[in-house]
Amino acid sequence: MQTFLIIISVLLIIIVLLQSNKAESGAQILSGGNTDLFMQRKERGSELFISRLTFVLGMIFFVVSLVMEFM
């Protein structure tokens, strides 16, 4: 079970690093330039797949962590 959790952790880290750079908006909040912060932008294609995969891997990580805690 621990090996599975490590594999999910590594995959989750890799997928998060592959996501498009959305941190620019976060930096603009601190610097005061929020003109494009609330701009509607839909994810399409590979961005949508990576975003959904990140969510699924995160939920699997959460569930496996809870199961390991109560075993």
PDB file of N, CA and C in Angstrom:
ATOM      1  N   MET A   1       0.828  -1.190   0.000  1.00  0.00           N
ATOM      2  CA  MET A   1       0.000   0.000   0.000  1.00  0.00           C
ATOM      3  C   MET A   1       0.874   1.255   0.000  1.00  0.00           C
ATOM      4  N   GLN A   2       1.995   1.200   0.717  1.00  0.00           N
ATOM      5  CA  GLN A   2       2.878   2.366   0.750  1.00  0.00           C
ATOM      6  C   GLN A   2       3.526   2.605  -0.611  1.00  0.00           C
ATOM      7  N   THR A   3       3.835   1.531  -1.316  1.00  0.00           N
ATOM      8  CA  THR A   3       4.421   1.669  -2.646  1.00  0.00           C
ATOM      9  C   THR A   3       3.437   2.342  -3.592  1.00  0.00           C
ATOM     10  N   PHE A   4       2.161   1.954  -3.501  1.00  0.00           N
ATOM     11  CA  PHE A   4       1.123   2.558  -4.326  1.00  0.00           C
ATOM     12  C   PHE A   4       1.001   4.045  -4.024  1.00  0.00           C
ATOM     13  N   LEU A   5       1.069   4.401  -2.752  1.00  0.00           N
ATOM     14  CA  LEU A   5       0.982   5.811  -2.359  1.00  0.00           C
ATOM     15  C   LEU A   5       2.173   6.606  -2.880  1.00  0.00           C
ATOM     16  N   ILE A   6       3.349   6.015  -2.856  1.00  0.00           N
ATOM     17  CA  ILE A   6       4.540   6.697  -3.384  1.00  0.00           C
ATOM     18  C   ILE A   6       4.419   6.903  -4.893  1.00  0.00           C
ATOM     19  N   ILE A   7       3.922   5.885  -5.600  1.00  0.00           N
ATOM     20  CA  ILE A   7       3.740   6.006  -7.050  1.00  0.00           C
ATOM     21  C   ILE A   7       2.734   7.110  -7.370  1.00  0.00           C
ATOM     22  N   ILE A   8       1.609   7.146  -6.644  1.00  0.00           N
ATOM     23  CA  ILE A   8       0.598   8.197  -6.855  1.00  0.00           C
ATOM     24  C   ILE A   8       1.193   9.568  -6.540  1.00  0.00           C
ATOM     25  N   SER A   9       2.000   9.657  -5.495  1.00  0.00           N
ATOM     26  CA  SER A   9       2.625  10.929  -5.119  1.00  0.00           C
ATOM     27  C   SER A   9       3.546  11.446  -6.221  1.00  0.00           C
ATOM     28  N   VAL A  10       4.366  10.572  -6.756  1.00  0.00           N
ATOM     29  CA  VAL A  10       5.295  10.975  -7.818  1.00  0.00           C
ATOM     30  C   VAL A  10       4.522  11.387  -9.073  1.00  0.00           C
ATOM     31  N   LEU A  11       3.503  10.619  -9.436  1.00  0.00           N
ATOM     32  CA  LEU A  11       2.684  10.983 -10.600  1.00  0.00           C
ATOM     33  C   LEU A  11       1.988  12.321 -10.398  1.00  0.00           C
ATOM     34  N   LEU A  12       1.488  12.548  -9.200  1.00  0.00           N
ATOM     35  CA  LEU A  12       0.812  13.804  -8.900  1.00  0.00           C
ATOM     36  C   LEU A  12       1.772  14.987  -9.002  1.00  0.00           C
ATOM     37  N   ILE A  13       2.981  14.836  -8.513  1.00  0.00           N
ATOM     38  CA  ILE A  13       3.983  15.896  -8.619  1.00  0.00           C
ATOM     39  C   ILE A  13       4.312  16.185 -10.074  1.00  0.00           C
ATOM     40  N   ILE A  14       4.494  15.138 -10.868  1.00  0.00           N
ATOM     41  CA  ILE A  14       4.822  15.322 -12.290  1.00  0.00           C
ATOM     42  C   ILE A  14       3.688  16.015 -13.029  1.00  0.00           C
ATOM     43  N   ILE A  15       2.451  15.587 -12.780  1.00  0.00           N
ATOM     44  CA  ILE A  15       1.306  16.181 -13.468  1.00  0.00           C
ATOM     45  C   ILE A  15       1.124  17.640 -13.070  1.00  0.00           C
ATOM     46  N   VAL A  16       1.322  17.964 -11.804  1.00  0.00           N
ATOM     47  CA  VAL A  16       1.191  19.369 -11.373  1.00  0.00           C
ATOM     48  C   VAL A  16       2.253  20.231 -12.042  1.00  0.00           C
ATOM     49  N   LEU A  17       3.457  19.706 -12.193  1.00  0.00           N
ATOM     50  CA  LEU A  17       4.514  20.464 -12.857  1.00  0.00           C
ATOM     51  C   LEU A  17       4.247  20.646 -14.351  1.00  0.00           C
ATOM     52  N   LEU A  18       3.472  19.742 -14.950  1.00  0.00           N
ATOM     53  CA  LEU A  18       3.157  19.846 -16.368  1.00  0.00           C
ATOM     54  C   LEU A  18       2.035  20.842 -16.667  1.00  0.00           C
ATOM     55  N   GLN A  19       1.298  21.252 -15.641  1.00  0.00           N
ATOM     56  CA  GLN A  19       0.178  22.158 -15.875  1.00  0.00           C
ATOM     57  C   GLN A  19       0.670  23.500 -16.387  1.00  0.00           C
ATOM     58  N   SER A  20      -0.232  24.162 -17.110  1.00  0.00           N
ATOM     59  CA  SER A  20       0.126  25.473 -17.657  1.00  0.00           C
ATOM     60  C   SER A  20       0.355  26.460 -16.525  1.00  0.00           C
ATOM     61  N   ASN A  21       1.097  27.489 -16.813  1.00  0.00           N
ATOM     62  CA  ASN A  21       1.500  28.446 -15.792  1.00  0.00           C
ATOM     63  C   ASN A  21       0.339  29.362 -15.448  1.00  0.00           C
ATOM     64  N   LYS A  22      -0.345  29.052 -14.354  1.00  0.00           N
ATOM     65  CA  LYS A  22      -1.438  29.888 -13.876  1.00  0.00           C
ATOM     66  C   LYS A  22      -0.991  30.737 -12.701  1.00  0.00           C
ATOM     67  N   ALA A  23       0.268  30.630 -12.329  1.00  0.00           N
ATOM     68  CA  ALA A  23       0.783  31.367 -11.185  1.00  0.00           C
ATOM     69  C   ALA A  23       0.972  32.847 -11.499  1.00  0.00           C
ATOM     70  N   GLU A  24       0.925  33.206 -12.772  1.00  0.00           N
ATOM     71  CA  GLU A  24       1.065  34.611 -13.121  1.00  0.00           C
ATOM     72  C   GLU A  24      -0.044  35.432 -12.492  1.00  0.00           C
ATOM     73  N   SER A  25      -1.252  34.891 -12.462  1.00  0.00           N
ATOM     74  CA  SER A  25      -2.368  35.599 -11.859  1.00  0.00           C
ATOM     75  C   SER A  25      -2.148  35.792 -10.368  1.00  0.00           C
ATOM     76  N   GLY A  26      -1.593  34.777  -9.729  1.00  0.00           N
ATOM     77  CA  GLY A  26      -1.308  34.884  -8.306  1.00  0.00           C
ATOM     78  C   GLY A  26      -0.270  35.942  -8.013  1.00  0.00           C
ATOM     79  N   ALA A  27       0.735  36.061  -8.865  1.00  0.00           N
ATOM     80  CA  ALA A  27       1.761  37.084  -8.688  1.00  0.00           C
ATOM     81  C   ALA A  27       1.186  38.476  -8.927  1.00  0.00           C
ATOM     82  N   GLN A  28       0.236  38.579  -9.834  1.00  0.00           N
ATOM     83  CA  GLN A  28      -0.381  39.879 -10.110  1.00  0.00           C
ATOM     84  C   GLN A  28      -1.213  40.362  -8.936  1.00  0.00           C
ATOM     85  N   ILE A  29      -1.755  39.438  -8.161  1.00  0.00           N
ATOM     86  CA  ILE A  29      -2.523  39.841  -6.976  1.00  0.00           C
ATOM     87  C   ILE A  29      -1.621  40.573  -5.997  1.00  0.00           C
ATOM     88  N   LEU A  30      -0.424  40.038  -5.784  1.00  0.00           N
ATOM     89  CA  LEU A  30       0.494  40.643  -4.829  1.00  0.00           C
ATOM     90  C   LEU A  30       1.053  41.966  -5.331  1.00  0.00           C
ATOM     91  N   SER A  31       1.256  42.066  -6.650  1.00  0.00           N
ATOM     92  CA  SER A  31       1.839  43.288  -7.191  1.00  0.00           C
ATOM     93  C   SER A  31       0.793  44.349  -7.523  1.00  0.00           C
ATOM     94  N   GLY A  32      -0.478  43.987  -7.501  1.00  0.00           N
ATOM     95  CA  GLY A  32      -1.528  44.967  -7.745  1.00  0.00           C
ATOM     96  C   GLY A  32      -2.044  44.994  -9.164  1.00  0.00           C
ATOM     97  N   GLY A  33      -1.467  44.261 -10.072  1.00  0.00           N
ATOM     98  CA  GLY A  33      -1.926  44.255 -11.458  1.00  0.00           C
ATOM     99  C   GLY A  33      -2.911  43.135 -11.686  1.00  0.00           C
ATOM    100  N   ASN A  34      -4.184  43.390 -11.468  1.00  0.00           N
ATOM    101  CA  ASN A  34      -5.180  42.332 -11.568  1.00  0.00           C
ATOM    102  C   ASN A  34      -6.122  42.531 -12.750  1.00  0.00           C
ATOM    103  N   THR A  35      -5.645  43.065 -13.845  1.00  0.00           N
ATOM    104  CA  THR A  35      -6.516  43.324 -14.988  1.00  0.00           C
ATOM    105  C   THR A  35      -7.010  42.040 -15.632  1.00  0.00           C
ATOM    106  N   ASP A  36      -6.183  41.015 -15.694  1.00  0.00           N
ATOM    107  CA  ASP A  36      -6.567  39.762 -16.340  1.00  0.00           C
ATOM    108  C   ASP A  36      -6.904  38.666 -15.341  1.00  0.00           C
ATOM    109  N   LEU A  37      -7.035  39.020 -14.073  1.00  0.00           N
ATOM    110  CA  LEU A  37      -7.204  38.015 -13.040  1.00  0.00           C
ATOM    111  C   LEU A  37      -8.498  37.236 -13.187  1.00  0.00           C
ATOM    112  N   PHE A  38      -9.600  37.934 -13.447  1.00  0.00           N
ATOM    113  CA  PHE A  38     -10.895  37.271 -13.505  1.00  0.00           C
ATOM    114  C   PHE A  38     -11.364  37.048 -14.937  1.00  0.00           C
ATOM    115  N   MET A  39     -10.440  37.019 -15.866  1.00  0.00           N
ATOM    116  CA  MET A  39     -10.766  36.793 -17.259  1.00  0.00           C
ATOM    117  C   MET A  39     -11.220  35.351 -17.454  1.00  0.00           C
ATOM    118  N   GLN A  40     -12.307  35.161 -18.185  1.00  0.00           N
ATOM    119  CA  GLN A  40     -12.806  33.811 -18.446  1.00  0.00           C
ATOM    120  C   GLN A  40     -11.879  33.108 -19.422  1.00  0.00           C
ATOM    121  N   ARG A  41     -11.360  31.965 -19.015  1.00  0.00           N
ATOM    122  CA  ARG A  41     -10.461  31.209 -19.876  1.00  0.00           C
ATOM    123  C   ARG A  41     -10.779  29.735 -19.713  1.00  0.00           C
ATOM    124  N   LYS A  42     -11.246  29.110 -20.776  1.00  0.00           N
ATOM    125  CA  LYS A  42     -11.602  27.703 -20.711  1.00  0.00           C
ATOM    126  C   LYS A  42     -10.399  26.832 -21.038  1.00  0.00           C
ATOM    127  N   GLU A  43     -10.312  25.731 -20.311  1.00  0.00           N
ATOM    128  CA  GLU A  43      -9.264  24.767 -20.607  1.00  0.00           C
ATOM    129  C   GLU A  43      -9.754  23.873 -21.740  1.00  0.00           C
ATOM    130  N   ARG A  44      -8.865  23.570 -22.652  1.00  0.00           N
ATOM    131  CA  ARG A  44      -9.227  22.716 -23.776  1.00  0.00           C
ATOM    132  C   ARG A  44      -8.105  21.753 -24.060  1.00  0.00           C
ATOM    133  N   GLY A  45      -8.475  20.631 -24.638  1.00  0.00           N
ATOM    134  CA  GLY A  45      -7.478  19.656 -25.088  1.00  0.00           C
ATOM    135  C   GLY A  45      -6.645  19.091 -23.970  1.00  0.00           C
ATOM    136  N   SER A  46      -5.348  19.229 -24.129  1.00  0.00           N
ATOM    137  CA  SER A  46      -4.425  18.629 -23.158  1.00  0.00           C
ATOM    138  C   SER A  46      -4.509  19.317 -21.797  1.00  0.00           C
ATOM    139  N   GLU A  47      -4.803  20.611 -21.768  1.00  0.00           N
ATOM    140  CA  GLU A  47      -4.936  21.306 -20.481  1.00  0.00           C
ATOM    141  C   GLU A  47      -6.088  20.727 -19.674  1.00  0.00           C
ATOM    142  N   LEU A  48      -7.192  20.454 -20.351  1.00  0.00           N
ATOM    143  CA  LEU A  48      -8.352  19.880 -19.678  1.00  0.00           C
ATOM    144  C   LEU A  48      -8.035  18.477 -19.165  1.00  0.00           C
ATOM    145  N   PHE A  49      -7.358  17.674 -19.974  1.00  0.00           N
ATOM    146  CA  PHE A  49      -6.983  16.321 -19.569  1.00  0.00           C
ATOM    147  C   PHE A  49      -6.057  16.346 -18.360  1.00  0.00           C
ATOM    148  N   ILE A  50      -5.057  17.215 -18.387  1.00  0.00           N
ATOM    149  CA  ILE A  50      -4.101  17.296 -17.275  1.00  0.00           C
ATOM    150  C   ILE A  50      -4.789  17.792 -16.009  1.00  0.00           C
ATOM    151  N   SER A  51      -5.707  18.727 -16.159  1.00  0.00           N
ATOM    152  CA  SER A  51      -6.442  19.241 -15.009  1.00  0.00           C
ATOM    153  C   SER A  51      -7.306  18.152 -14.378  1.00  0.00           C
ATOM    154  N   ARG A  52      -7.998  17.386 -15.204  1.00  0.00           N
ATOM    155  CA  ARG A  52      -8.834  16.300 -14.677  1.00  0.00           C
ATOM    156  C   ARG A  52      -7.988  15.182 -14.082  1.00  0.00           C
ATOM    157  N   LEU A  53      -6.865  14.875 -14.714  1.00  0.00           N
ATOM    158  CA  LEU A  53      -5.972  13.848 -14.191  1.00  0.00           C
ATOM    159  C   LEU A  53      -5.406  14.264 -12.830  1.00  0.00           C
ATOM    160  N   THR A  54      -5.097  15.544 -12.680  1.00  0.00           N
ATOM    161  CA  THR A  54      -4.617  16.055 -11.400  1.00  0.00           C
ATOM    162  C   THR A  54      -5.674  15.871 -10.322  1.00  0.00           C
ATOM    163  N   PHE A  55      -6.916  16.170 -10.655  1.00  0.00           N
ATOM    164  CA  PHE A  55      -8.011  16.007  -9.698  1.00  0.00           C
ATOM    165  C   PHE A  55      -8.172  14.544  -9.303  1.00  0.00           C
ATOM    166  N   VAL A  56      -8.167  13.646 -10.280  1.00  0.00           N
ATOM    167  CA  VAL A  56      -8.339  12.219 -10.003  1.00  0.00           C
ATOM    168  C   VAL A  56      -7.185  11.686  -9.161  1.00  0.00           C
ATOM    169  N   LEU A  57      -5.952  12.032  -9.526  1.00  0.00           N
ATOM    170  CA  LEU A  57      -4.801  11.570  -8.750  1.00  0.00           C
ATOM    171  C   LEU A  57      -4.830  12.134  -7.327  1.00  0.00           C
ATOM    172  N   GLY A  58      -5.264  13.376  -7.183  1.00  0.00           N
ATOM    173  CA  GLY A  58      -5.381  13.975  -5.854  1.00  0.00           C
ATOM    174  C   GLY A  58      -6.408  13.261  -4.992  1.00  0.00           C
ATOM    175  N   MET A  59      -7.539  12.895  -5.601  1.00  0.00           N
ATOM    176  CA  MET A  59      -8.569  12.181  -4.850  1.00  0.00           C
ATOM    177  C   MET A  59      -8.092  10.769  -4.483  1.00  0.00           C
ATOM    178  N   ILE A  60      -7.407  10.106  -5.401  1.00  0.00           N
ATOM    179  CA  ILE A  60      -6.859   8.774  -5.095  1.00  0.00           C
ATOM    180  C   ILE A  60      -5.851   8.869  -3.962  1.00  0.00           C
ATOM    181  N   PHE A  61      -4.985   9.885  -4.009  1.00  0.00           N
ATOM    182  CA  PHE A  61      -3.998  10.089  -2.944  1.00  0.00           C
ATOM    183  C   PHE A  61      -4.695  10.294  -1.598  1.00  0.00           C
ATOM    184  N   PHE A  62      -5.736  11.099  -1.589  1.00  0.00           N
ATOM    185  CA  PHE A  62      -6.486  11.385  -0.366  1.00  0.00           C
ATOM    186  C   PHE A  62      -7.130  10.124   0.195  1.00  0.00           C
ATOM    187  N   VAL A  63      -7.787   9.352  -0.660  1.00  0.00           N
ATOM    188  CA  VAL A  63      -8.474   8.139  -0.219  1.00  0.00           C
ATOM    189  C   VAL A  63      -7.475   7.092   0.283  1.00  0.00           C
ATOM    190  N   VAL A  64      -6.381   6.895  -0.451  1.00  0.00           N
ATOM    191  CA  VAL A  64      -5.385   5.923  -0.028  1.00  0.00           C
ATOM    192  C   VAL A  64      -4.756   6.339   1.301  1.00  0.00           C
ATOM    193  N   SER A  65      -4.528   7.635   1.477  1.00  0.00           N
ATOM    194  CA  SER A  65      -3.971   8.123   2.740  1.00  0.00           C
ATOM    195  C   SER A  65      -4.924   7.847   3.902  1.00  0.00           C
ATOM    196  N   LEU A  66      -6.213   8.081   3.682  1.00  0.00           N
ATOM    197  CA  LEU A  66      -7.193   7.796   4.730  1.00  0.00           C
ATOM    198  C   LEU A  66      -7.273   6.301   5.033  1.00  0.00           C
ATOM    199  N   VAL A  67      -7.258   5.475   4.013  1.00  0.00           N
ATOM    200  CA  VAL A  67      -7.310   4.021   4.211  1.00  0.00           C
ATOM    201  C   VAL A  67      -6.091   3.549   4.982  1.00  0.00           C
ATOM    202  N   MET A  68      -4.926   4.073   4.644  1.00  0.00           N
ATOM    203  CA  MET A  68      -3.697   3.672   5.352  1.00  0.00           C
ATOM    204  C   MET A  68      -3.729   4.121   6.812  1.00  0.00           C
ATOM    205  N   GLU A  69      -4.349   5.256   7.079  1.00  0.00           N
ATOM    206  CA  GLU A  69      -4.408   5.756   8.444  1.00  0.00           C
ATOM    207  C   GLU A  69      -5.240   4.842   9.343  1.00  0.00           C
ATOM    208  N   PHE A  70      -6.312   4.289   8.814  1.00  0.00           N
ATOM    209  CA  PHE A  70      -7.226   3.488   9.625  1.00  0.00           C
ATOM    210  C   PHE A  70      -6.942   1.990   9.545  1.00  0.00           C
ATOM    211  N   MET A  71      -5.884   1.590   8.862  1.00  0.00           N
ATOM    212  CA  MET A  71      -5.534   0.168   8.808  1.00  0.00           C
ATOM    213  C   MET A  71      -4.601  -0.185   9.939  1.00  0.00           C
TER     214      MET A  71
END
